[in-house]
Amino acid sequence: MPLLDSRPARLSILSSLLGAACLIFGSPLRAQTDTEFQITKIEPALVTTPAVSYSGASAKSQRGPSKSWLEVEVSFTWQPRVPTDKYADDVVVSYYVLLSNRNAQAPQGTMLTGQVTHMSIPAKQTDLKSVIYASPRTLERFFDGKVPASVSSAITDIGVTISKQGQVVAQKSLNSKSGAWWPQIQQTSGYLLSKPETPFAPLNWDYYETVKKTQNP
């Protein structure tokens, strides 16, 4: 009796296994490369505390000249796959700001982290904006009592991610091209402030996306 050639069967089984692996491991890759959200720009700047005129209360005298805040502005887009989606809620923009204050305690510099949750983000917009701040006192704390004179002397790099429903759907770095570098660096939270927590709160109200109000306990 001639022996049956089992090679076609083995090839068929191997092909099926490879197809299953592509379905299991390929889907997350496609989700990252074919995402609804895209971060288009990260713009850091040093901006001075705004001067606001008011009446009805005693004005406090200024203690020296206005100091600089570190402002990190992010531009992004949202193109929903589902045509009926008009607005997105609970979109979280996470910031990873690596300061240029290398020392024995922080050989790579201090990395400040913070999040801003946005509501009612409109669909099919190409120039959406998010922003976060580090106060002058925070900069003084991590730079030996002096606010840096320029952005280049204040930061080494900035990483930004956008998350929706708990999943990271977009990420970008200001300087690095090697992907997400921030998970490898110790994080320092609590020092980055959303716009409503700063004196910039009433300014440029229609320029930035709505920040979700923190619920009181």
C-alpha atoms as a PDB file:
ATOM      1  CA  MET A   1       0.000   0.000   0.000  1.00  0.00           C
ATOM      2  CA  PRO A   2       1.512   3.426  -0.916  1.00  0.00           C
ATOM      3  CA  LEU A   3       2.179   5.809   1.953  1.00  0.00           C
ATOM      4  CA  LEU A   4       0.019   8.932   2.043  1.00  0.00           C
ATOM      5  CA  ASP A   5       1.855  12.237   1.898  1.00  0.00           C
ATOM      6  CA  SER A   6       0.963  14.137   5.089  1.00  0.00           C
ATOM      7  CA  ARG A   7       2.729  17.363   4.078  1.00  0.00           C
ATOM      8  CA  PRO A   8      -0.419  19.117   2.699  1.00  0.00           C
ATOM      9  CA  ALA A   9      -2.235  18.415   5.967  1.00  0.00           C
ATOM     10  CA  ARG A  10       0.678  19.773   7.997  1.00  0.00           C
ATOM     11  CA  LEU A  11       0.823  22.874   5.835  1.00  0.00           C
ATOM     12  CA  SER A  12      -2.914  23.391   6.260  1.00  0.00           C
ATOM     13  CA  ILE A  13      -2.622  23.145  10.057  1.00  0.00           C
ATOM     14  CA  LEU A  14       0.365  25.527  10.083  1.00  0.00           C
ATOM     15  CA  SER A  15      -1.525  28.029   7.934  1.00  0.00           C
ATOM     16  CA  SER A  16      -4.491  27.901  10.321  1.00  0.00           C
ATOM     17  CA  LEU A  17      -2.224  28.497  13.324  1.00  0.00           C
ATOM     18  CA  LEU A  18      -0.549  31.456  11.646  1.00  0.00           C
ATOM     19  CA  GLY A  19      -3.934  32.919  10.766  1.00  0.00           C
ATOM     20  CA  ALA A  20      -5.101  32.607  14.369  1.00  0.00           C
ATOM     21  CA  ALA A  21      -1.902  34.248  15.608  1.00  0.00           C
ATOM     22  CA  CYS A  22      -2.454  37.167  13.269  1.00  0.00           C
ATOM     23  CA  LEU A  23      -5.965  37.616  14.595  1.00  0.00           C
ATOM     24  CA  ILE A  24      -4.792  37.480  18.216  1.00  0.00           C
ATOM     25  CA  PHE A  25      -1.622  39.543  17.985  1.00  0.00           C
ATOM     26  CA  GLY A  26      -2.342  41.677  14.944  1.00  0.00           C
ATOM     27  CA  SER A  27      -5.490  43.412  16.144  1.00  0.00           C
ATOM     28  CA  PRO A  28      -3.829  45.633  18.804  1.00  0.00           C
ATOM     29  CA  LEU A  29      -1.211  46.691  16.259  1.00  0.00           C
ATOM     30  CA  ARG A  30      -3.884  47.727  13.787  1.00  0.00           C
ATOM     31  CA  ALA A  31      -5.731  49.546  16.549  1.00  0.00           C
ATOM     32  CA  GLN A  32      -2.630  51.645  17.281  1.00  0.00           C
ATOM     33  CA  THR A  33      -1.800  52.446  13.663  1.00  0.00           C
ATOM     34  CA  ASP A  34      -5.365  53.023  12.500  1.00  0.00           C
ATOM     35  CA  THR A  35      -6.646  55.106  15.384  1.00  0.00           C
ATOM     36  CA  GLU A  36      -9.401  57.685  15.484  1.00  0.00           C
ATOM     37  CA  PHE A  37      -7.221  60.122  17.434  1.00  0.00           C
ATOM     38  CA  GLN A  38      -3.985  61.715  16.241  1.00  0.00           C
ATOM     39  CA  ILE A  39      -1.697  64.012  18.222  1.00  0.00           C
ATOM     40  CA  THR A  40      -0.365  66.552  15.746  1.00  0.00           C
ATOM     41  CA  LYS A  41       1.704  68.937  17.865  1.00  0.00           C
ATOM     42  CA  ILE A  42       3.201  69.463  21.340  1.00  0.00           C
ATOM     43  CA  GLU A  43       4.077  73.094  22.127  1.00  0.00           C
ATOM     44  CA  PRO A  44       5.784  74.013  25.419  1.00  0.00           C
ATOM     45  CA  ALA A  45       6.157  77.671  26.404  1.00  0.00           C
ATOM     46  CA  LEU A  46       7.009  79.853  29.386  1.00  0.00           C
ATOM     47  CA  VAL A  47       4.157  82.296  30.048  1.00  0.00           C
ATOM     48  CA  THR A  48       3.863  84.878  32.812  1.00  0.00           C
ATOM     49  CA  THR A  49       1.039  85.005  35.338  1.00  0.00           C
ATOM     50  CA  PRO A  50      -1.838  87.003  33.766  1.00  0.00           C
ATOM     51  CA  ALA A  51      -2.616  90.390  35.298  1.00  0.00           C
ATOM     52  CA  VAL A  52      -6.348  90.692  36.006  1.00  0.00           C
ATOM     53  CA  SER A  53      -8.060  93.929  37.014  1.00  0.00           C
ATOM     54  CA  TYR A  54     -10.943  93.660  39.458  1.00  0.00           C
ATOM     55  CA  SER A  55     -12.998  95.710  41.903  1.00  0.00           C
ATOM     56  CA  GLY A  56     -14.989  95.067  45.064  1.00  0.00           C
ATOM     57  CA  ALA A  57     -12.078  93.729  47.108  1.00  0.00           C
ATOM     58  CA  SER A  58      -8.775  95.096  48.295  1.00  0.00           C
ATOM     59  CA  ALA A  59      -5.987  94.535  45.788  1.00  0.00           C
ATOM     60  CA  LYS A  60      -2.916  92.733  47.062  1.00  0.00           C
ATOM     61  CA  SER A  61       0.406  94.269  46.188  1.00  0.00           C
ATOM     62  CA  GLN A  62       2.560  92.328  43.765  1.00  0.00           C
ATOM     63  CA  ARG A  63       5.569  90.691  45.420  1.00  0.00           C
ATOM     64  CA  GLY A  64       8.145  91.317  42.733  1.00  0.00           C
ATOM     65  CA  PRO A  65       7.743  90.877  38.962  1.00  0.00           C
ATOM     66  CA  SER A  66       5.377  88.301  37.487  1.00  0.00           C
ATOM     67  CA  LYS A  67       6.930  84.856  37.256  1.00  0.00           C
ATOM     68  CA  SER A  68       6.761  82.290  34.475  1.00  0.00           C
ATOM     69  CA  TRP A  69       4.606  79.201  34.247  1.00  0.00           C
ATOM     70  CA  LEU A  70       5.455  76.223  32.062  1.00  0.00           C
ATOM     71  CA  GLU A  71       2.578  75.762  29.625  1.00  0.00           C
ATOM     72  CA  VAL A  72       2.286  72.581  27.531  1.00  0.00           C
ATOM     73  CA  GLU A  73      -0.276  72.824  24.739  1.00  0.00           C
ATOM     74  CA  VAL A  74      -1.302  69.800  22.691  1.00  0.00           C
ATOM     75  CA  SER A  75      -3.078  69.828  19.323  1.00  0.00           C
ATOM     76  CA  PHE A  76      -4.987  66.732  18.246  1.00  0.00           C
ATOM     77  CA  THR A  77      -7.710  65.469  15.919  1.00  0.00           C
ATOM     78  CA  TRP A  78     -10.646  63.084  16.219  1.00  0.00           C
ATOM     79  CA  GLN A  79     -12.118  61.331  13.194  1.00  0.00           C
ATOM     80  CA  PRO A  80     -14.684  58.794  14.497  1.00  0.00           C
ATOM     81  CA  ARG A  81     -15.119  55.538  12.628  1.00  0.00           C
ATOM     82  CA  VAL A  82     -18.835  55.497  13.408  1.00  0.00           C
ATOM     83  CA  PRO A  83     -20.517  58.307  11.413  1.00  0.00           C
ATOM     84  CA  THR A  84     -23.233  58.765  14.049  1.00  0.00           C
ATOM     85  CA  ASP A  85     -20.671  59.642  16.751  1.00  0.00           C
ATOM     86  CA  LYS A  86     -20.845  63.414  17.105  1.00  0.00           C
ATOM     87  CA  TYR A  87     -19.173  63.988  20.488  1.00  0.00           C
ATOM     88  CA  ALA A  88     -16.720  62.089  22.686  1.00  0.00           C
ATOM     89  CA  ASP A  89     -16.667  62.192  26.499  1.00  0.00           C
ATOM     90  CA  ASP A  90     -14.071  61.135  29.069  1.00  0.00           C
ATOM     91  CA  VAL A  91     -11.140  61.513  26.703  1.00  0.00           C
ATOM     92  CA  VAL A  92      -8.012  61.561  28.875  1.00  0.00           C
ATOM     93  CA  VAL A  93      -4.881  63.424  27.814  1.00  0.00           C
ATOM     94  CA  SER A  94      -1.882  62.320  29.893  1.00  0.00           C
ATOM     95  CA  TYR A  95       1.266  64.434  30.107  1.00  0.00           C
ATOM     96  CA  TYR A  96       4.815  63.284  30.910  1.00  0.00           C
ATOM     97  CA  VAL A  97       7.112  66.297  31.302  1.00  0.00           C
ATOM     98  CA  LEU A  98      10.798  65.445  31.778  1.00  0.00           C
ATOM     99  CA  LEU A  99      12.575  68.408  33.385  1.00  0.00           C
ATOM    100  CA  SER A 100      16.207  69.261  32.642  1.00  0.00           C
ATOM    101  CA  ASN A 101      17.207  69.205  36.317  1.00  0.00           C
ATOM    102  CA  ARG A 102      19.520  66.206  36.352  1.00  0.00           C
ATOM    103  CA  ASN A 103      21.102  65.560  39.731  1.00  0.00           C
ATOM    104  CA  ALA A 104      22.163  62.702  42.003  1.00  0.00           C
ATOM    105  CA  GLN A 105      18.569  62.045  43.078  1.00  0.00           C
ATOM    106  CA  ALA A 106      17.191  62.292  39.527  1.00  0.00           C
ATOM    107  CA  PRO A 107      19.986  61.364  37.079  1.00  0.00           C
ATOM    108  CA  GLN A 108      17.624  61.641  34.108  1.00  0.00           C
ATOM    109  CA  GLY A 109      15.751  64.644  35.484  1.00  0.00           C
ATOM    110  CA  THR A 110      12.414  64.852  37.280  1.00  0.00           C
ATOM    111  CA  MET A 111       9.416  63.669  35.291  1.00  0.00           C
ATOM    112  CA  LEU A 112       6.205  65.492  36.207  1.00  0.00           C
ATOM    113  CA  THR A 113       2.974  63.718  35.277  1.00  0.00           C
ATOM    114  CA  GLY A 114      -0.637  64.851  35.061  1.00  0.00           C
ATOM    115  CA  GLN A 115      -3.917  64.159  33.306  1.00  0.00           C
ATOM    116  CA  VAL A 116      -6.724  66.265  31.869  1.00  0.00           C
ATOM    117  CA  THR A 117     -10.110  64.678  31.125  1.00  0.00           C
ATOM    118  CA  HIS A 118     -12.075  66.355  28.348  1.00  0.00           C
ATOM    119  CA  MET A 119     -15.809  66.248  27.633  1.00  0.00           C
ATOM    120  CA  SER A 120     -17.959  66.965  24.565  1.00  0.00           C
ATOM    121  CA  ILE A 121     -15.119  66.742  22.052  1.00  0.00           C
ATOM    122  CA  PRO A 122     -16.665  67.396  18.621  1.00  0.00           C
ATOM    123  CA  ALA A 123     -16.192  64.952  15.762  1.00  0.00           C
ATOM    124  CA  LYS A 124     -14.228  65.598  12.580  1.00  0.00           C
ATOM    125  CA  GLN A 125     -12.232  68.494  14.010  1.00  0.00           C
ATOM    126  CA  THR A 126      -8.622  68.988  12.931  1.00  0.00           C
ATOM    127  CA  ASP A 127      -7.350  71.449  15.533  1.00  0.00           C
ATOM    128  CA  LEU A 128      -8.512  70.393  19.002  1.00  0.00           C
ATOM    129  CA  LYS A 129      -6.546  71.748  21.954  1.00  0.00           C
ATOM    130  CA  SER A 130      -5.593  70.550  25.429  1.00  0.00           C
ATOM    131  CA  VAL A 131      -3.246  72.245  27.907  1.00  0.00           C
ATOM    132  CA  ILE A 132      -1.557  71.712  31.257  1.00  0.00           C
ATOM    133  CA  TYR A 133       0.652  73.906  33.466  1.00  0.00           C
ATOM    134  CA  ALA A 134       3.482  73.804  35.984  1.00  0.00           C
ATOM    135  CA  SER A 135       3.436  76.771  38.367  1.00  0.00           C
ATOM    136  CA  PRO A 136       6.380  79.088  39.020  1.00  0.00           C
ATOM    137  CA  ARG A 137       6.708  77.623  42.519  1.00  0.00           C
ATOM    138  CA  THR A 138       6.934  74.116  41.080  1.00  0.00           C
ATOM    139  CA  LEU A 139       9.682  75.195  38.691  1.00  0.00           C
ATOM    140  CA  GLU A 140      11.540  76.892  41.538  1.00  0.00           C
ATOM    141  CA  ARG A 141      11.271  73.744  43.646  1.00  0.00           C
ATOM    142  CA  PHE A 142      12.932  71.536  41.050  1.00  0.00           C
ATOM    143  CA  PHE A 143      15.477  74.100  39.768  1.00  0.00           C
ATOM    144  CA  ASP A 144      17.147  75.191  43.006  1.00  0.00           C
ATOM    145  CA  GLY A 145      14.922  78.211  43.629  1.00  0.00           C
ATOM    146  CA  LYS A 146      15.043  79.780  40.160  1.00  0.00           C
ATOM    147  CA  VAL A 147      12.609  79.543  37.258  1.00  0.00           C
ATOM    148  CA  PRO A 148      14.450  78.516  34.046  1.00  0.00           C
ATOM    149  CA  ALA A 149      14.940  81.320  31.547  1.00  0.00           C
ATOM    150  CA  SER A 150      13.885  79.310  28.489  1.00  0.00           C
ATOM    151  CA  VAL A 151      11.949  76.215  27.490  1.00  0.00           C
ATOM    152  CA  SER A 152      15.123  74.497  26.293  1.00  0.00           C
ATOM    153  CA  SER A 153      16.685  74.915  29.739  1.00  0.00           C
ATOM    154  CA  ALA A 154      13.489  73.774  31.480  1.00  0.00           C
ATOM    155  CA  ILE A 155      12.642  70.509  29.743  1.00  0.00           C
ATOM    156  CA  THR A 156      14.403  67.576  28.105  1.00  0.00           C
ATOM    157  CA  ASP A 157      11.357  65.974  26.518  1.00  0.00           C
ATOM    158  CA  ILE A 158       7.558  65.711  26.769  1.00  0.00           C
ATOM    159  CA  GLY A 159       5.426  62.647  26.120  1.00  0.00           C
ATOM    160  CA  VAL A 160       1.662  62.781  25.596  1.00  0.00           C
ATOM    161  CA  THR A 161      -0.927  60.022  25.314  1.00  0.00           C
ATOM    162  CA  ILE A 162      -4.661  60.101  24.610  1.00  0.00           C
ATOM    163  CA  SER A 163      -6.871  57.437  26.160  1.00  0.00           C
ATOM    164  CA  LYS A 164     -10.487  56.532  25.482  1.00  0.00           C
ATOM    165  CA  GLN A 165     -12.407  53.969  27.523  1.00  0.00           C
ATOM    166  CA  GLY A 166      -9.207  53.121  29.360  1.00  0.00           C
ATOM    167  CA  GLN A 167      -7.197  52.322  26.221  1.00  0.00           C
ATOM    168  CA  VAL A 168      -4.314  54.393  24.852  1.00  0.00           C
ATOM    169  CA  VAL A 169      -5.369  55.388  21.334  1.00  0.00           C
ATOM    170  CA  ALA A 170      -2.634  57.889  20.435  1.00  0.00           C
ATOM    171  CA  GLN A 171       0.795  58.925  21.660  1.00  0.00           C
ATOM    172  CA  LYS A 172       3.526  61.367  20.683  1.00  0.00           C
ATOM    173  CA  SER A 173       6.833  62.675  21.993  1.00  0.00           C
ATOM    174  CA  LEU A 174       8.199  66.181  21.573  1.00  0.00           C
ATOM    175  CA  ASN A 175      11.792  65.151  20.826  1.00  0.00           C
ATOM    176  CA  SER A 176      12.226  61.389  20.957  1.00  0.00           C
ATOM    177  CA  LYS A 177      11.490  59.207  17.927  1.00  0.00           C
ATOM    178  CA  SER A 178      11.958  55.893  19.754  1.00  0.00           C
ATOM    179  CA  GLY A 179       8.422  55.419  21.042  1.00  0.00           C
ATOM    180  CA  ALA A 180       7.175  55.631  24.614  1.00  0.00           C
ATOM    181  CA  TRP A 181      10.205  56.377  26.799  1.00  0.00           C
ATOM    182  CA  TRP A 182       8.277  57.602  29.862  1.00  0.00           C
ATOM    183  CA  PRO A 183       7.349  54.230  31.469  1.00  0.00           C
ATOM    184  CA  GLN A 184      11.043  53.681  32.262  1.00  0.00           C
ATOM    185  CA  ILE A 185      11.382  56.874  34.328  1.00  0.00           C
ATOM    186  CA  GLN A 186      10.121  57.446  37.864  1.00  0.00           C
ATOM    187  CA  GLN A 187       6.991  59.586  37.846  1.00  0.00           C
ATOM    188  CA  THR A 188       6.264  62.560  40.110  1.00  0.00           C
ATOM    189  CA  SER A 189       2.574  63.432  40.208  1.00  0.00           C
ATOM    190  CA  GLY A 190       0.631  66.319  41.737  1.00  0.00           C
ATOM    191  CA  TYR A 191       2.591  69.242  40.288  1.00  0.00           C
ATOM    192  CA  LEU A 192       0.965  69.630  36.872  1.00  0.00           C
ATOM    193  CA  LEU A 193      -2.285  71.613  36.905  1.00  0.00           C
ATOM    194  CA  SER A 194      -5.233  71.677  34.523  1.00  0.00           C
ATOM    195  CA  LYS A 195      -6.323  75.070  33.206  1.00  0.00           C
ATOM    196  CA  PRO A 196      -9.263  75.513  35.666  1.00  0.00           C
ATOM    197  CA  GLU A 197      -6.758  75.165  38.542  1.00  0.00           C
ATOM    198  CA  THR A 198      -4.675  78.135  37.389  1.00  0.00           C
ATOM    199  CA  PRO A 199      -5.087  81.902  36.907  1.00  0.00           C
ATOM    200  CA  PHE A 200      -5.439  81.126  33.183  1.00  0.00           C
ATOM    201  CA  ALA A 201      -8.871  79.563  33.833  1.00  0.00           C
ATOM    202  CA  PRO A 202     -11.043  82.407  32.443  1.00  0.00           C
ATOM    203  CA  LEU A 203      -8.766  83.112  29.473  1.00  0.00           C
ATOM    204  CA  ASN A 204      -9.246  81.771  25.916  1.00  0.00           C
ATOM    205  CA  TRP A 205     -12.366  79.929  27.002  1.00  0.00           C
ATOM    206  CA  ASP A 206     -13.363  78.751  23.503  1.00  0.00           C
ATOM    207  CA  TYR A 207      -9.824  77.863  22.447  1.00  0.00           C
ATOM    208  CA  TYR A 208      -9.360  74.721  24.574  1.00  0.00           C
ATOM    209  CA  GLU A 209     -11.640  71.697  24.894  1.00  0.00           C
ATOM    210  CA  THR A 210     -13.943  71.474  27.912  1.00  0.00           C
ATOM    211  CA  VAL A 211     -12.354  70.004  31.037  1.00  0.00           C
ATOM    212  CA  LYS A 212     -14.454  67.564  33.027  1.00  0.00           C
ATOM    213  CA  LYS A 213     -15.410  68.955  36.408  1.00  0.00           C
ATOM    214  CA  THR A 214     -13.973  67.055  39.359  1.00  0.00           C
ATOM    215  CA  GLN A 215     -16.718  65.444  41.416  1.00  0.00           C
ATOM    216  CA  ASN A 216     -16.728  66.322  45.095  1.00  0.00           C
ATOM    217  CA  PRO A 217     -16.607  63.285  47.417  1.00  0.00           C
END
